[in-house]
Amino acid sequence: MTQEELLRFNIEHVKSAIPNIEKRAGASKKELAMFLDRSIASINRSMASGGYGIPEYIKGDKEKSHVYFPLINIAIFLTNSINKSA
């Protein structure tokens, strides 16, 4: 499977796992935590430590701003996370 095919597969996988994600700015922290089978606290820790281990996200300028993880960023994260030596 090529990288492009894998990316397309991951986009469809995310769309089916997170309802209506393509109609919004992206997934919330809660939705991402459920999708990745992690806790919201671990998502928050990853964000506080520079975003390592989670997809790129969009956050507003204010302290209590909403955080969104766009569909394409989640799919790219999954595609890049796959072990290429297998």
N, C-alpha and C. Protein backbone atom coordinates (compact mmCIF):
# COMPACT_ATOMS: atom_id res chain seq x y z
N MET A 1 0.85 -1.18 0.00
CA MET A 1 0.00 0.00 0.00
C MET A 1 0.90 1.24 0.00
N THR A 2 0.65 2.15 -0.92
CA THR A 2 1.46 3.37 -1.01
C THR A 2 1.04 4.36 0.08
N GLN A 3 1.86 5.37 0.30
CA GLN A 3 1.55 6.40 1.29
C GLN A 3 0.22 7.09 0.97
N GLU A 4 -0.01 7.38 -0.32
CA GLU A 4 -1.24 8.06 -0.72
C GLU A 4 -2.46 7.20 -0.44
N GLU A 5 -2.38 5.92 -0.76
CA GLU A 5 -3.49 5.00 -0.49
C GLU A 5 -3.73 4.87 1.01
N LEU A 6 -2.65 4.82 1.77
CA LEU A 6 -2.76 4.72 3.21
C LEU A 6 -3.40 5.98 3.80
N LEU A 7 -3.04 7.14 3.28
CA LEU A 7 -3.63 8.39 3.74
C LEU A 7 -5.12 8.42 3.43
N ARG A 8 -5.51 8.01 2.24
CA ARG A 8 -6.94 7.97 1.88
C ARG A 8 -7.70 7.01 2.79
N PHE A 9 -7.10 5.85 3.06
CA PHE A 9 -7.72 4.88 3.96
C PHE A 9 -7.91 5.48 5.34
N ASN A 10 -6.88 6.16 5.85
CA ASN A 10 -6.96 6.76 7.18
C ASN A 10 -7.99 7.88 7.25
N ILE A 11 -8.13 8.66 6.18
CA ILE A 11 -9.16 9.70 6.14
C ILE A 11 -10.54 9.07 6.27
N GLU A 12 -10.80 8.02 5.51
CA GLU A 12 -12.10 7.34 5.58
C GLU A 12 -12.30 6.70 6.95
N HIS A 13 -11.24 6.16 7.52
CA HIS A 13 -11.33 5.54 8.85
C HIS A 13 -11.71 6.58 9.90
N VAL A 14 -11.08 7.74 9.86
CA VAL A 14 -11.39 8.80 10.82
C VAL A 14 -12.82 9.30 10.62
N LYS A 15 -13.24 9.47 9.36
CA LYS A 15 -14.61 9.92 9.07
C LYS A 15 -15.64 8.96 9.64
N SER A 16 -15.38 7.66 9.53
CA SER A 16 -16.34 6.68 10.03
C SER A 16 -16.31 6.58 11.55
N ALA A 17 -15.18 6.86 12.17
CA ALA A 17 -15.05 6.73 13.62
C ALA A 17 -15.53 7.97 14.37
N ILE A 18 -15.41 9.14 13.76
CA ILE A 18 -15.83 10.39 14.40
C ILE A 18 -16.93 11.02 13.55
N PRO A 19 -18.19 10.85 13.94
CA PRO A 19 -19.30 11.34 13.12
C PRO A 19 -19.25 12.85 12.88
N ASN A 20 -19.58 13.25 11.67
CA ASN A 20 -19.70 14.67 11.26
C ASN A 20 -18.41 15.47 11.39
N ILE A 21 -17.26 14.82 11.44
CA ILE A 21 -15.99 15.56 11.57
C ILE A 21 -15.73 16.43 10.35
N GLU A 22 -16.18 15.98 9.17
CA GLU A 22 -15.91 16.77 7.96
C GLU A 22 -16.77 18.02 7.88
N LYS A 23 -17.81 18.12 8.72
CA LYS A 23 -18.69 19.30 8.72
C LYS A 23 -18.27 20.33 9.76
N ARG A 24 -17.28 20.00 10.58
CA ARG A 24 -16.84 20.90 11.64
C ARG A 24 -15.37 21.26 11.43
N ALA A 25 -14.85 22.08 12.31
CA ALA A 25 -13.43 22.45 12.22
C ALA A 25 -12.53 21.25 12.47
N GLY A 26 -13.01 20.29 13.21
CA GLY A 26 -12.23 19.09 13.51
C GLY A 26 -12.78 18.40 14.74
N ALA A 27 -12.02 17.45 15.25
CA ALA A 27 -12.43 16.69 16.43
C ALA A 27 -12.04 17.46 17.70
N SER A 28 -12.84 17.29 18.73
CA SER A 28 -12.52 17.88 20.03
C SER A 28 -11.51 16.99 20.75
N LYS A 29 -11.01 17.47 21.88
CA LYS A 29 -10.08 16.65 22.66
C LYS A 29 -10.76 15.36 23.11
N LYS A 30 -12.02 15.45 23.50
CA LYS A 30 -12.75 14.27 23.95
C LYS A 30 -12.89 13.25 22.83
N GLU A 31 -13.25 13.71 21.63
CA GLU A 31 -13.39 12.80 20.49
C GLU A 31 -12.05 12.18 20.11
N LEU A 32 -11.00 12.97 20.12
CA LEU A 32 -9.67 12.44 19.80
C LEU A 32 -9.23 11.41 20.84
N ALA A 33 -9.50 11.71 22.11
CA ALA A 33 -9.13 10.77 23.18
C ALA A 33 -9.85 9.44 23.00
N MET A 34 -11.13 9.48 22.66
CA MET A 34 -11.88 8.24 22.43
C MET A 34 -11.34 7.51 21.20
N PHE A 35 -11.03 8.24 20.14
CA PHE A 35 -10.54 7.63 18.91
C PHE A 35 -9.17 6.97 19.10
N LEU A 36 -8.28 7.64 19.81
CA LEU A 36 -6.93 7.11 20.03
C LEU A 36 -6.85 6.19 21.25
N ASP A 37 -7.97 6.03 21.97
CA ASP A 37 -8.04 5.21 23.17
C ASP A 37 -7.04 5.70 24.22
N ARG A 38 -7.09 7.00 24.46
CA ARG A 38 -6.27 7.65 25.49
C ARG A 38 -7.18 8.50 26.35
N SER A 39 -6.68 8.97 27.46
CA SER A 39 -7.47 9.84 28.31
C SER A 39 -7.32 11.30 27.86
N ILE A 40 -8.27 12.12 28.25
CA ILE A 40 -8.19 13.54 27.95
C ILE A 40 -6.98 14.14 28.67
N ALA A 41 -6.69 13.64 29.86
CA ALA A 41 -5.53 14.13 30.62
C ALA A 41 -4.23 13.87 29.86
N SER A 42 -4.12 12.73 29.20
CA SER A 42 -2.89 12.46 28.44
C SER A 42 -2.80 13.35 27.21
N ILE A 43 -3.95 13.69 26.61
CA ILE A 43 -3.96 14.65 25.49
C ILE A 43 -3.49 16.01 26.00
N ASN A 44 -4.01 16.42 27.16
CA ASN A 44 -3.60 17.71 27.75
C ASN A 44 -2.11 17.73 28.08
N ARG A 45 -1.59 16.63 28.63
CA ARG A 45 -0.15 16.56 28.93
C ARG A 45 0.68 16.66 27.67
N SER A 46 0.23 15.99 26.62
CA SER A 46 0.96 16.05 25.35
C SER A 46 0.97 17.47 24.79
N MET A 47 -0.17 18.16 24.91
CA MET A 47 -0.24 19.54 24.43
C MET A 47 0.69 20.44 25.24
N ALA A 48 0.74 20.22 26.55
CA ALA A 48 1.58 21.05 27.42
C ALA A 48 3.06 20.80 27.17
N SER A 49 3.40 19.60 26.71
CA SER A 49 4.81 19.28 26.48
C SER A 49 5.24 19.50 25.04
N GLY A 50 4.48 20.26 24.30
CA GLY A 50 4.88 20.61 22.94
C GLY A 50 4.16 19.86 21.84
N GLY A 51 3.19 19.05 22.18
CA GLY A 51 2.39 18.37 21.16
C GLY A 51 2.95 17.06 20.66
N TYR A 52 3.94 16.49 21.35
CA TYR A 52 4.52 15.23 20.91
C TYR A 52 3.53 14.09 21.17
N GLY A 53 3.30 13.25 20.16
CA GLY A 53 2.44 12.09 20.32
C GLY A 53 0.98 12.32 20.01
N ILE A 54 0.65 13.51 19.52
CA ILE A 54 -0.73 13.81 19.10
C ILE A 54 -0.68 14.54 17.76
N PRO A 55 -1.81 14.55 17.03
CA PRO A 55 -1.84 15.29 15.76
C PRO A 55 -1.72 16.80 15.98
N GLU A 56 -1.33 17.51 14.93
CA GLU A 56 -1.30 18.98 15.01
C GLU A 56 -2.72 19.48 15.25
N TYR A 57 -2.83 20.58 15.98
CA TYR A 57 -4.15 21.07 16.37
C TYR A 57 -4.25 22.57 16.16
N ILE A 58 -5.50 23.05 16.23
CA ILE A 58 -5.80 24.47 16.10
C ILE A 58 -6.32 24.94 17.46
N LYS A 59 -5.75 26.03 17.97
CA LYS A 59 -6.20 26.58 19.24
C LYS A 59 -6.24 28.09 19.12
N GLY A 60 -7.25 28.68 19.73
CA GLY A 60 -7.38 30.13 19.72
C GLY A 60 -6.33 30.80 20.59
N ASP A 61 -6.34 32.13 20.59
CA ASP A 61 -5.34 32.91 21.31
C ASP A 61 -5.61 33.02 22.81
N LYS A 62 -6.86 32.89 23.22
CA LYS A 62 -7.23 33.09 24.62
C LYS A 62 -6.87 31.86 25.46
N GLU A 63 -6.87 32.07 26.77
CA GLU A 63 -6.47 31.00 27.69
C GLU A 63 -7.43 29.81 27.64
N LYS A 64 -8.72 30.05 27.60
CA LYS A 64 -9.73 28.98 27.63
C LYS A 64 -10.29 28.67 26.24
N SER A 65 -9.51 28.87 25.20
CA SER A 65 -9.96 28.65 23.83
C SER A 65 -10.21 27.17 23.56
N HIS A 66 -11.13 26.91 22.64
CA HIS A 66 -11.38 25.54 22.20
C HIS A 66 -10.20 25.04 21.39
N VAL A 67 -10.02 23.73 21.41
CA VAL A 67 -8.95 23.08 20.65
C VAL A 67 -9.61 22.12 19.68
N TYR A 68 -9.18 22.17 18.42
CA TYR A 68 -9.71 21.28 17.40
C TYR A 68 -8.56 20.58 16.69
N PHE A 69 -8.81 19.31 16.37
CA PHE A 69 -7.85 18.50 15.62
C PHE A 69 -8.46 18.23 14.25
N PRO A 70 -8.00 18.93 13.20
CA PRO A 70 -8.58 18.76 11.87
C PRO A 70 -8.45 17.32 11.36
N LEU A 71 -9.42 16.91 10.56
CA LEU A 71 -9.48 15.57 9.99
C LEU A 71 -8.18 15.20 9.28
N ILE A 72 -7.69 16.07 8.43
CA ILE A 72 -6.49 15.75 7.65
C ILE A 72 -5.28 15.59 8.57
N ASN A 73 -5.20 16.37 9.65
CA ASN A 73 -4.07 16.25 10.57
C ASN A 73 -4.10 14.92 11.32
N ILE A 74 -5.30 14.45 11.67
CA ILE A 74 -5.42 13.15 12.34
C ILE A 74 -5.00 12.05 11.37
N ALA A 75 -5.47 12.13 10.12
CA ALA A 75 -5.13 11.12 9.12
C ALA A 75 -3.63 11.10 8.83
N ILE A 76 -3.01 12.27 8.72
CA ILE A 76 -1.56 12.34 8.48
C ILE A 76 -0.81 11.77 9.68
N PHE A 77 -1.27 12.08 10.89
CA PHE A 77 -0.65 11.53 12.10
C PHE A 77 -0.69 10.01 12.09
N LEU A 78 -1.84 9.43 11.74
CA LEU A 78 -1.96 7.97 11.68
C LEU A 78 -1.05 7.39 10.60
N THR A 79 -1.03 8.04 9.44
CA THR A 79 -0.20 7.56 8.33
C THR A 79 1.28 7.57 8.71
N ASN A 80 1.72 8.63 9.36
CA ASN A 80 3.14 8.73 9.74
C ASN A 80 3.49 7.86 10.94
N SER A 81 2.48 7.43 11.70
CA SER A 81 2.72 6.61 12.89
C SER A 81 2.88 5.14 12.58
N ILE A 82 2.51 4.73 11.38
CA ILE A 82 2.56 3.32 11.01
C ILE A 82 4.02 2.91 10.84
N ASN A 83 4.35 1.76 11.38
CA ASN A 83 5.71 1.23 11.29
C ASN A 83 6.02 0.88 9.84
N LYS A 84 6.97 1.56 9.25
CA LYS A 84 7.28 1.37 7.83
C LYS A 84 8.19 0.17 7.59
N SER A 85 8.74 -0.41 8.64
CA SER A 85 9.62 -1.56 8.46
C SER A 85 8.86 -2.88 8.46
N ALA A 86 7.58 -2.84 8.81
CA ALA A 86 6.79 -4.07 8.88
C ALA A 86 6.41 -4.56 7.50
